[in-house]
Amino acid sequence: MNYQDVIDKYYPAGSKLRDIYLKHSRSVADLAMSINRERTLGLDEKEVEAAAMLHDIGIFLTDASGIECRGTEPYLKHGYLGAELLRKEGVDEKYARVCERHTGTGLSREDIVASGIDLPLDRSYMPETLLERLVCYADKFYSKNGDMEKKSIERIEKSLAKFGSRAVERFRKLI
């Protein structure tokens, strides 16, 4: 599987959204690969890179004008939407699950019900495998808006706090 072919299909060359997508995904991929090496996690580097480069593939389907997304769905659904897109493309299920399970620090059933987001409740949106947890963790260090520079752990926790103490606690477990 060539992740770049999938990206090219949905993020046209020359678009601002593609630039945002590629900068964010490359930052997440580089951090995830670095952590994999430094902590000797033993994950395949190419799989880590592909998972990180594809984790946000569904953002173009959402309504997030601040990052040039002109879709109609709520941004919180981008992981689910990306997973469904990858499944339709015939991409390995492990990458679809990274998409589906990286949002925030994972979305629990309680989070979904409380937020009122229309997501199927017949599956898990919590990162479970080492690959899912690694990409979820690395993703928290980079926004797709603002300066797009690497965030500190303190800044990440402050940002997650608006989603409740469970989100912060889940992030601390990922550390």
N, C-alpha and C. Protein backbone atom coordinates (compact mmCIF):
# COMPACT_ATOMS: atom_id res chain seq x y z
N MET A 1 0.85 -1.18 0.00
CA MET A 1 0.00 0.00 0.00
C MET A 1 0.89 1.23 0.00
N ASN A 2 0.60 2.12 -0.91
CA ASN A 2 1.32 3.39 -0.98
C ASN A 2 0.40 4.47 -0.40
N TYR A 3 0.72 4.90 0.82
CA TYR A 3 -0.14 5.90 1.48
C TYR A 3 -0.23 7.18 0.68
N GLN A 4 0.82 7.53 -0.04
CA GLN A 4 0.81 8.79 -0.80
C GLN A 4 -0.24 8.78 -1.90
N ASP A 5 -0.49 7.62 -2.50
CA ASP A 5 -1.53 7.52 -3.52
C ASP A 5 -2.90 7.86 -2.94
N VAL A 6 -3.16 7.39 -1.73
CA VAL A 6 -4.44 7.68 -1.07
C VAL A 6 -4.54 9.18 -0.76
N ILE A 7 -3.47 9.74 -0.23
CA ILE A 7 -3.46 11.18 0.08
C ILE A 7 -3.68 11.99 -1.19
N ASP A 8 -2.96 11.66 -2.26
CA ASP A 8 -3.07 12.40 -3.52
C ASP A 8 -4.48 12.36 -4.09
N LYS A 9 -5.18 11.26 -3.87
CA LYS A 9 -6.53 11.11 -4.40
C LYS A 9 -7.52 12.09 -3.75
N TYR A 10 -7.32 12.38 -2.47
CA TYR A 10 -8.28 13.20 -1.72
C TYR A 10 -7.80 14.61 -1.37
N TYR A 11 -6.52 14.85 -1.54
CA TYR A 11 -5.94 16.16 -1.21
C TYR A 11 -5.16 16.67 -2.42
N PRO A 12 -5.84 17.44 -3.31
CA PRO A 12 -5.23 17.84 -4.57
C PRO A 12 -3.99 18.74 -4.39
N ALA A 13 -3.04 18.51 -5.27
CA ALA A 13 -1.82 19.33 -5.28
C ALA A 13 -2.19 20.80 -5.41
N GLY A 14 -1.46 21.64 -4.70
CA GLY A 14 -1.68 23.07 -4.78
C GLY A 14 -2.74 23.62 -3.86
N SER A 15 -3.41 22.76 -3.09
CA SER A 15 -4.46 23.25 -2.20
C SER A 15 -3.87 23.55 -0.81
N LYS A 16 -4.43 24.54 -0.17
CA LYS A 16 -4.00 24.90 1.19
C LYS A 16 -4.26 23.73 2.15
N LEU A 17 -5.40 23.05 1.97
CA LEU A 17 -5.72 21.92 2.85
C LEU A 17 -4.66 20.83 2.72
N ARG A 18 -4.18 20.56 1.51
CA ARG A 18 -3.13 19.55 1.33
C ARG A 18 -1.87 19.96 2.09
N ASP A 19 -1.51 21.24 2.00
CA ASP A 19 -0.32 21.72 2.70
C ASP A 19 -0.46 21.52 4.21
N ILE A 20 -1.62 21.86 4.75
CA ILE A 20 -1.89 21.69 6.18
C ILE A 20 -1.83 20.20 6.54
N TYR A 21 -2.52 19.39 5.74
CA TYR A 21 -2.57 17.95 5.99
C TYR A 21 -1.18 17.34 5.99
N LEU A 22 -0.39 17.64 4.97
CA LEU A 22 0.94 17.04 4.85
C LEU A 22 1.88 17.51 5.96
N LYS A 23 1.82 18.78 6.30
CA LYS A 23 2.70 19.28 7.37
C LYS A 23 2.36 18.59 8.69
N HIS A 24 1.09 18.54 9.02
CA HIS A 24 0.66 17.90 10.26
C HIS A 24 1.01 16.41 10.26
N SER A 25 0.63 15.72 9.23
CA SER A 25 0.85 14.26 9.19
C SER A 25 2.33 13.92 9.20
N ARG A 26 3.14 14.68 8.48
CA ARG A 26 4.59 14.42 8.47
C ARG A 26 5.17 14.64 9.87
N SER A 27 4.73 15.68 10.56
CA SER A 27 5.22 15.93 11.93
C SER A 27 4.85 14.78 12.85
N VAL A 28 3.61 14.32 12.75
CA VAL A 28 3.15 13.20 13.57
C VAL A 28 3.93 11.93 13.21
N ALA A 29 4.14 11.69 11.93
CA ALA A 29 4.87 10.50 11.49
C ALA A 29 6.31 10.53 12.00
N ASP A 30 6.97 11.68 11.87
CA ASP A 30 8.36 11.77 12.31
C ASP A 30 8.49 11.53 13.81
N LEU A 31 7.56 12.11 14.59
CA LEU A 31 7.59 11.90 16.03
C LEU A 31 7.30 10.43 16.37
N ALA A 32 6.30 9.86 15.76
CA ALA A 32 5.95 8.46 16.04
C ALA A 32 7.10 7.52 15.69
N MET A 33 7.76 7.76 14.57
CA MET A 33 8.89 6.91 14.18
C MET A 33 10.06 7.09 15.15
N SER A 34 10.27 8.32 15.59
CA SER A 34 11.34 8.59 16.56
C SER A 34 11.07 7.88 17.89
N ILE A 35 9.85 7.95 18.37
CA ILE A 35 9.47 7.27 19.62
C ILE A 35 9.63 5.77 19.46
N ASN A 36 9.20 5.25 18.32
CA ASN A 36 9.32 3.81 18.06
C ASN A 36 10.78 3.37 18.16
N ARG A 37 11.68 4.16 17.61
CA ARG A 37 13.10 3.82 17.66
C ARG A 37 13.67 4.00 19.06
N GLU A 38 13.41 5.17 19.67
CA GLU A 38 14.00 5.50 20.97
C GLU A 38 13.54 4.57 22.08
N ARG A 39 12.29 4.19 22.02
CA ARG A 39 11.75 3.31 23.08
C ARG A 39 11.78 1.84 22.68
N THR A 40 12.42 1.56 21.56
CA THR A 40 12.53 0.21 21.01
C THR A 40 11.19 -0.55 21.11
N LEU A 41 10.17 0.06 20.52
CA LEU A 41 8.84 -0.53 20.55
C LEU A 41 8.72 -1.73 19.61
N GLY A 42 9.57 -1.79 18.61
CA GLY A 42 9.58 -2.94 17.73
C GLY A 42 8.55 -2.92 16.61
N LEU A 43 7.90 -1.78 16.42
CA LEU A 43 6.93 -1.68 15.33
C LEU A 43 7.66 -1.46 14.01
N ASP A 44 7.09 -1.96 12.93
CA ASP A 44 7.65 -1.77 11.60
C ASP A 44 7.60 -0.28 11.25
N GLU A 45 8.76 0.29 10.88
CA GLU A 45 8.85 1.73 10.58
C GLU A 45 7.91 2.15 9.45
N LYS A 46 7.81 1.33 8.42
CA LYS A 46 6.94 1.69 7.29
C LYS A 46 5.47 1.69 7.71
N GLU A 47 5.10 0.79 8.60
CA GLU A 47 3.72 0.77 9.09
C GLU A 47 3.44 1.97 9.99
N VAL A 48 4.40 2.33 10.81
CA VAL A 48 4.23 3.52 11.67
C VAL A 48 4.07 4.76 10.79
N GLU A 49 4.92 4.88 9.79
CA GLU A 49 4.85 6.04 8.89
C GLU A 49 3.51 6.08 8.16
N ALA A 50 3.10 4.97 7.58
CA ALA A 50 1.84 4.94 6.84
C ALA A 50 0.65 5.26 7.75
N ALA A 51 0.63 4.67 8.93
CA ALA A 51 -0.48 4.92 9.87
C ALA A 51 -0.55 6.39 10.24
N ALA A 52 0.60 6.99 10.52
CA ALA A 52 0.62 8.40 10.90
C ALA A 52 0.26 9.31 9.73
N MET A 53 0.69 8.96 8.54
CA MET A 53 0.38 9.78 7.38
C MET A 53 -1.10 9.70 6.99
N LEU A 54 -1.76 8.61 7.35
CA LEU A 54 -3.17 8.43 6.99
C LEU A 54 -4.16 8.71 8.12
N HIS A 55 -3.69 8.95 9.33
CA HIS A 55 -4.60 9.01 10.48
C HIS A 55 -5.68 10.08 10.35
N ASP A 56 -5.43 11.16 9.63
CA ASP A 56 -6.40 12.25 9.48
C ASP A 56 -7.01 12.31 8.09
N ILE A 57 -6.95 11.25 7.34
CA ILE A 57 -7.40 11.26 5.94
C ILE A 57 -8.84 11.75 5.79
N GLY A 58 -9.66 11.62 6.82
CA GLY A 58 -11.07 12.01 6.72
C GLY A 58 -11.39 13.46 7.03
N ILE A 59 -10.40 14.30 7.31
CA ILE A 59 -10.72 15.68 7.72
C ILE A 59 -11.41 16.48 6.63
N PHE A 60 -11.12 16.19 5.36
CA PHE A 60 -11.71 16.98 4.27
C PHE A 60 -13.23 16.84 4.22
N LEU A 61 -13.76 15.81 4.83
CA LEU A 61 -15.20 15.57 4.85
C LEU A 61 -15.91 16.37 5.95
N THR A 62 -15.14 17.06 6.76
CA THR A 62 -15.71 17.77 7.91
C THR A 62 -15.77 19.28 7.67
N ASP A 63 -16.53 19.92 8.52
CA ASP A 63 -16.69 21.37 8.47
C ASP A 63 -15.76 21.99 9.51
N ALA A 64 -14.57 22.37 9.06
CA ALA A 64 -13.58 23.01 9.94
C ALA A 64 -12.86 24.06 9.11
N SER A 65 -13.52 25.18 8.89
CA SER A 65 -13.00 26.19 7.97
C SER A 65 -11.65 26.75 8.41
N GLY A 66 -11.35 26.72 9.71
CA GLY A 66 -10.08 27.22 10.20
C GLY A 66 -8.88 26.45 9.67
N ILE A 67 -9.13 25.22 9.20
CA ILE A 67 -8.06 24.42 8.60
C ILE A 67 -8.43 24.03 7.16
N GLU A 68 -9.29 24.85 6.55
CA GLU A 68 -9.64 24.70 5.14
C GLU A 68 -10.48 23.46 4.82
N CYS A 69 -11.13 22.88 5.81
CA CYS A 69 -12.01 21.74 5.57
C CYS A 69 -13.41 22.26 5.28
N ARG A 70 -13.94 21.93 4.13
CA ARG A 70 -15.22 22.48 3.69
C ARG A 70 -16.30 21.40 3.54
N GLY A 71 -16.17 20.34 4.31
CA GLY A 71 -17.18 19.28 4.27
C GLY A 71 -18.40 19.65 5.10
N THR A 72 -19.24 18.68 5.35
CA THR A 72 -20.50 18.95 6.05
C THR A 72 -20.59 18.27 7.41
N GLU A 73 -19.70 17.36 7.70
CA GLU A 73 -19.78 16.58 8.94
C GLU A 73 -19.05 17.29 10.09
N PRO A 74 -19.45 17.02 11.34
CA PRO A 74 -18.73 17.58 12.48
C PRO A 74 -17.29 17.06 12.52
N TYR A 75 -16.36 17.91 12.92
CA TYR A 75 -14.95 17.54 12.93
C TYR A 75 -14.68 16.29 13.77
N LEU A 76 -15.40 16.13 14.87
CA LEU A 76 -15.19 14.96 15.72
C LEU A 76 -15.38 13.63 14.99
N LYS A 77 -16.03 13.67 13.84
CA LYS A 77 -16.28 12.44 13.09
C LYS A 77 -15.16 12.12 12.10
N HIS A 78 -14.11 12.93 12.04
CA HIS A 78 -13.10 12.74 11.00
C HIS A 78 -12.40 11.38 11.10
N GLY A 79 -12.21 10.86 12.30
CA GLY A 79 -11.56 9.56 12.44
C GLY A 79 -12.43 8.45 11.90
N TYR A 80 -13.68 8.45 12.27
CA TYR A 80 -14.64 7.46 11.77
C TYR A 80 -14.76 7.55 10.25
N LEU A 81 -14.91 8.78 9.74
CA LEU A 81 -15.05 8.98 8.30
C LEU A 81 -13.80 8.52 7.54
N GLY A 82 -12.64 8.83 8.10
CA GLY A 82 -11.39 8.40 7.48
C GLY A 82 -11.27 6.89 7.46
N ALA A 83 -11.69 6.24 8.53
CA ALA A 83 -11.63 4.78 8.59
C ALA A 83 -12.53 4.17 7.51
N GLU A 84 -13.74 4.70 7.38
CA GLU A 84 -14.65 4.20 6.36
C GLU A 84 -14.08 4.42 4.96
N LEU A 85 -13.47 5.56 4.72
CA LEU A 85 -12.86 5.85 3.44
C LEU A 85 -11.74 4.85 3.14
N LEU A 86 -10.87 4.60 4.12
CA LEU A 86 -9.78 3.64 3.91
C LEU A 86 -10.31 2.24 3.65
N ARG A 87 -11.36 1.87 4.32
CA ARG A 87 -11.96 0.55 4.07
C ARG A 87 -12.48 0.46 2.64
N LYS A 88 -13.13 1.53 2.16
CA LYS A 88 -13.61 1.53 0.77
C LYS A 88 -12.46 1.45 -0.22
N GLU A 89 -11.32 2.02 0.15
CA GLU A 89 -10.14 2.00 -0.72
C GLU A 89 -9.41 0.66 -0.66
N GLY A 90 -9.82 -0.22 0.24
CA GLY A 90 -9.18 -1.52 0.37
C GLY A 90 -7.87 -1.49 1.13
N VAL A 91 -7.66 -0.44 1.91
CA VAL A 91 -6.45 -0.30 2.71
C VAL A 91 -6.53 -1.24 3.91
N ASP A 92 -5.40 -1.75 4.34
CA ASP A 92 -5.34 -2.68 5.48
C ASP A 92 -6.12 -2.14 6.68
N GLU A 93 -6.88 -3.00 7.30
CA GLU A 93 -7.74 -2.63 8.44
C GLU A 93 -6.96 -1.97 9.57
N LYS A 94 -5.70 -2.33 9.77
CA LYS A 94 -4.94 -1.72 10.88
C LYS A 94 -4.85 -0.21 10.73
N TYR A 95 -4.80 0.28 9.48
CA TYR A 95 -4.73 1.73 9.25
C TYR A 95 -6.10 2.38 9.46
N ALA A 96 -7.15 1.68 9.06
CA ALA A 96 -8.50 2.20 9.30
C ALA A 96 -8.74 2.34 10.80
N ARG A 97 -8.27 1.37 11.56
CA ARG A 97 -8.48 1.43 13.01
C ARG A 97 -7.67 2.55 13.66
N VAL A 98 -6.50 2.84 13.14
CA VAL A 98 -5.75 4.00 13.65
C VAL A 98 -6.56 5.26 13.44
N CYS A 99 -7.16 5.41 12.26
CA CYS A 99 -8.02 6.57 11.99
C CYS A 99 -9.16 6.65 13.00
N GLU A 100 -9.82 5.54 13.15
CA GLU A 100 -11.02 5.47 13.97
C GLU A 100 -10.75 5.70 15.46
N ARG A 101 -9.54 5.42 15.90
CA ARG A 101 -9.26 5.39 17.34
C ARG A 101 -8.28 6.46 17.82
N HIS A 102 -7.91 7.40 16.97
CA HIS A 102 -6.92 8.40 17.39
C HIS A 102 -7.53 9.70 17.89
N THR A 103 -8.80 9.94 17.65
CA THR A 103 -9.43 11.23 17.96
C THR A 103 -9.37 11.51 19.46
N GLY A 104 -8.87 12.68 19.81
CA GLY A 104 -8.66 13.02 21.22
C GLY A 104 -7.67 12.04 21.81
N THR A 105 -8.06 11.43 22.89
CA THR A 105 -7.27 10.33 23.47
C THR A 105 -8.07 9.05 23.35
N GLY A 106 -8.88 9.02 22.31
CA GLY A 106 -9.86 7.98 22.11
C GLY A 106 -11.21 8.52 22.56
N LEU A 107 -12.25 7.97 22.01
CA LEU A 107 -13.61 8.38 22.39
C LEU A 107 -14.31 7.19 23.03
N SER A 108 -14.70 7.36 24.28
CA SER A 108 -15.44 6.30 24.96
C SER A 108 -16.91 6.41 24.56
N ARG A 109 -17.65 5.38 24.83
CA ARG A 109 -19.10 5.39 24.60
C ARG A 109 -19.73 6.59 25.32
N GLU A 110 -19.29 6.83 26.55
CA GLU A 110 -19.81 7.96 27.33
C GLU A 110 -19.50 9.29 26.66
N ASP A 111 -18.28 9.43 26.12
CA ASP A 111 -17.88 10.65 25.40
C ASP A 111 -18.81 10.89 24.21
N ILE A 112 -19.08 9.84 23.47
CA ILE A 112 -19.89 9.94 22.25
C ILE A 112 -21.32 10.35 22.61
N VAL A 113 -21.89 9.69 23.59
CA VAL A 113 -23.26 10.00 24.01
C VAL A 113 -23.33 11.43 24.55
N ALA A 114 -22.37 11.81 25.38
CA ALA A 114 -22.38 13.15 25.99
C ALA A 114 -22.21 14.25 24.95
N SER A 115 -21.42 13.99 23.92
CA SER A 115 -21.18 15.01 22.90
C SER A 115 -22.31 15.10 21.89
N GLY A 116 -23.14 14.05 21.83
CA GLY A 116 -24.24 14.03 20.89
C GLY A 116 -23.79 13.80 19.45
N ILE A 117 -22.56 13.36 19.25
CA ILE A 117 -22.04 13.09 17.91
C ILE A 117 -22.66 11.79 17.39
N ASP A 118 -23.06 11.83 16.16
CA ASP A 118 -23.70 10.67 15.52
C ASP A 118 -22.62 9.70 15.04
N LEU A 119 -22.19 8.83 15.93
CA LEU A 119 -21.22 7.78 15.60
C LEU A 119 -21.84 6.43 15.95
N PRO A 120 -21.60 5.42 15.11
CA PRO A 120 -22.10 4.09 15.45
C PRO A 120 -21.50 3.63 16.78
N LEU A 121 -22.31 3.07 17.62
CA LEU A 121 -21.84 2.61 18.93
C LEU A 121 -21.51 1.12 18.93
N ASP A 122 -21.39 0.54 17.76
CA ASP A 122 -21.11 -0.90 17.65
C ASP A 122 -19.62 -1.22 17.54
N ARG A 123 -18.77 -0.24 17.83
CA ARG A 123 -17.32 -0.45 17.72
C ARG A 123 -16.58 0.37 18.75
N SER A 124 -15.31 0.10 18.88
CA SER A 124 -14.47 0.84 19.83
C SER A 124 -13.79 2.01 19.12
N TYR A 125 -13.75 3.14 19.80
CA TYR A 125 -13.03 4.31 19.31
C TYR A 125 -11.87 4.64 20.25
N MET A 126 -11.46 3.65 21.01
CA MET A 126 -10.34 3.81 21.93
C MET A 126 -9.12 3.10 21.35
N PRO A 127 -7.94 3.75 21.38
CA PRO A 127 -6.74 3.10 20.84
C PRO A 127 -6.40 1.86 21.67
N GLU A 128 -6.21 0.75 20.99
CA GLU A 128 -5.96 -0.51 21.67
C GLU A 128 -4.59 -1.08 21.37
N THR A 129 -4.23 -1.17 20.09
CA THR A 129 -2.93 -1.76 19.74
C THR A 129 -1.82 -0.76 20.00
N LEU A 130 -0.61 -1.24 20.03
CA LEU A 130 0.54 -0.35 20.23
C LEU A 130 0.62 0.69 19.11
N LEU A 131 0.37 0.28 17.88
CA LEU A 131 0.38 1.22 16.75
C LEU A 131 -0.69 2.30 16.94
N GLU A 132 -1.88 1.92 17.32
CA GLU A 132 -2.96 2.88 17.54
C GLU A 132 -2.61 3.85 18.66
N ARG A 133 -2.06 3.33 19.75
CA ARG A 133 -1.70 4.20 20.88
C ARG A 133 -0.56 5.14 20.51
N LEU A 134 0.41 4.65 19.76
CA LEU A 134 1.56 5.47 19.36
C LEU A 134 1.12 6.64 18.49
N VAL A 135 0.32 6.39 17.48
CA VAL A 135 -0.12 7.48 16.60
C VAL A 135 -1.04 8.44 17.34
N CYS A 136 -1.91 7.92 18.18
CA CYS A 136 -2.79 8.78 18.98
C CYS A 136 -1.96 9.71 19.85
N TYR A 137 -0.94 9.17 20.49
CA TYR A 137 -0.05 9.95 21.35
C TYR A 137 0.71 11.01 20.53
N ALA A 138 1.36 10.61 19.47
CA ALA A 138 2.16 11.54 18.67
C ALA A 138 1.29 12.66 18.09
N ASP A 139 0.07 12.33 17.74
CA ASP A 139 -0.86 13.31 17.16
C ASP A 139 -1.14 14.47 18.11
N LYS A 140 -1.13 14.21 19.40
CA LYS A 140 -1.47 15.25 20.37
C LYS A 140 -0.45 16.39 20.40
N PHE A 141 0.74 16.14 19.88
CA PHE A 141 1.80 17.15 19.93
C PHE A 141 1.72 18.18 18.81
N TYR A 142 0.86 17.96 17.82
CA TYR A 142 0.80 18.86 16.67
C TYR A 142 -0.63 19.20 16.31
N SER A 143 -0.92 20.51 16.23
CA SER A 143 -2.22 20.97 15.76
C SER A 143 -2.16 21.15 14.24
N LYS A 144 -3.31 21.30 13.65
CA LYS A 144 -3.38 21.59 12.24
C LYS A 144 -3.63 23.08 11.99
N ASN A 145 -3.67 23.85 13.05
CA ASN A 145 -3.83 25.30 12.90
C ASN A 145 -2.83 26.02 13.79
N GLY A 146 -2.82 27.32 13.72
CA GLY A 146 -1.87 28.09 14.52
C GLY A 146 -0.45 27.89 14.03
N ASP A 147 0.49 27.86 14.96
CA ASP A 147 1.90 27.78 14.59
C ASP A 147 2.34 26.39 14.14
N MET A 148 1.56 25.38 14.45
CA MET A 148 1.83 23.99 14.08
C MET A 148 3.16 23.48 14.64
N GLU A 149 3.68 24.19 15.64
CA GLU A 149 4.92 23.76 16.29
C GLU A 149 4.59 22.70 17.34
N LYS A 150 5.61 21.96 17.72
CA LYS A 150 5.42 20.90 18.72
C LYS A 150 4.98 21.50 20.06
N LYS A 151 3.94 20.91 20.64
CA LYS A 151 3.40 21.37 21.92
C LYS A 151 4.12 20.67 23.07
N SER A 152 4.12 21.33 24.20
CA SER A 152 4.62 20.71 25.43
C SER A 152 3.53 19.82 26.01
N ILE A 153 3.93 18.91 26.87
CA ILE A 153 2.96 18.04 27.55
C ILE A 153 1.97 18.89 28.35
N GLU A 154 2.46 19.94 28.98
CA GLU A 154 1.58 20.82 29.77
C GLU A 154 0.52 21.47 28.88
N ARG A 155 0.92 21.92 27.71
CA ARG A 155 -0.03 22.56 26.78
C ARG A 155 -1.06 21.53 26.29
N ILE A 156 -0.61 20.32 26.02
CA ILE A 156 -1.54 19.26 25.58
C ILE A 156 -2.56 18.98 26.67
N GLU A 157 -2.08 18.82 27.91
CA GLU A 157 -3.00 18.53 29.01
C GLU A 157 -4.00 19.66 29.22
N LYS A 158 -3.55 20.89 29.08
CA LYS A 158 -4.46 22.03 29.23
C LYS A 158 -5.53 22.00 28.13
N SER A 159 -5.13 21.68 26.93
CA SER A 159 -6.07 21.58 25.82
C SER A 159 -7.07 20.44 26.03
N LEU A 160 -6.58 19.31 26.51
CA LEU A 160 -7.45 18.15 26.74
C LEU A 160 -8.39 18.36 27.93
N ALA A 161 -8.01 19.19 28.86
CA ALA A 161 -8.81 19.40 30.07
C ALA A 161 -10.22 19.89 29.75
N LYS A 162 -10.39 20.59 28.64
CA LYS A 162 -11.74 21.06 28.28
C LYS A 162 -12.68 19.91 27.93
N PHE A 163 -12.10 18.71 27.69
CA PHE A 163 -12.91 17.53 27.42
C PHE A 163 -13.09 16.67 28.66
N GLY A 164 -12.56 17.14 29.78
CA GLY A 164 -12.75 16.45 31.05
C GLY A 164 -11.50 15.73 31.53
N SER A 165 -11.55 15.37 32.80
CA SER A 165 -10.39 14.74 33.43
C SER A 165 -10.06 13.37 32.85
N ARG A 166 -11.08 12.67 32.31
CA ARG A 166 -10.81 11.35 31.72
C ARG A 166 -9.90 11.46 30.50
N ALA A 167 -10.07 12.51 29.71
CA ALA A 167 -9.21 12.71 28.53
C ALA A 167 -7.77 12.94 28.96
N VAL A 168 -7.58 13.74 29.99
CA VAL A 168 -6.22 14.02 30.50
C VAL A 168 -5.62 12.74 31.06
N GLU A 169 -6.39 11.99 31.81
CA GLU A 169 -5.91 10.74 32.39
C GLU A 169 -5.52 9.74 31.30
N ARG A 170 -6.32 9.66 30.25
CA ARG A 170 -5.99 8.75 29.14
C ARG A 170 -4.69 9.18 28.46
N PHE A 171 -4.48 10.50 28.33
CA PHE A 171 -3.23 10.99 27.74
C PHE A 171 -2.04 10.60 28.62
N ARG A 172 -2.19 10.75 29.93
CA ARG A 172 -1.10 10.40 30.84
C ARG A 172 -0.76 8.92 30.75
N LYS A 173 -1.75 8.09 30.50
CA LYS A 173 -1.47 6.65 30.32
C LYS A 173 -0.72 6.41 29.02
N LEU A 174 -1.03 7.19 27.99
CA LEU A 174 -0.31 7.05 26.73
C LEU A 174 1.17 7.41 26.88
N ILE A 175 1.45 8.37 27.75
CA ILE A 175 2.84 8.75 27.98
C ILE A 175 3.62 7.55 28.44
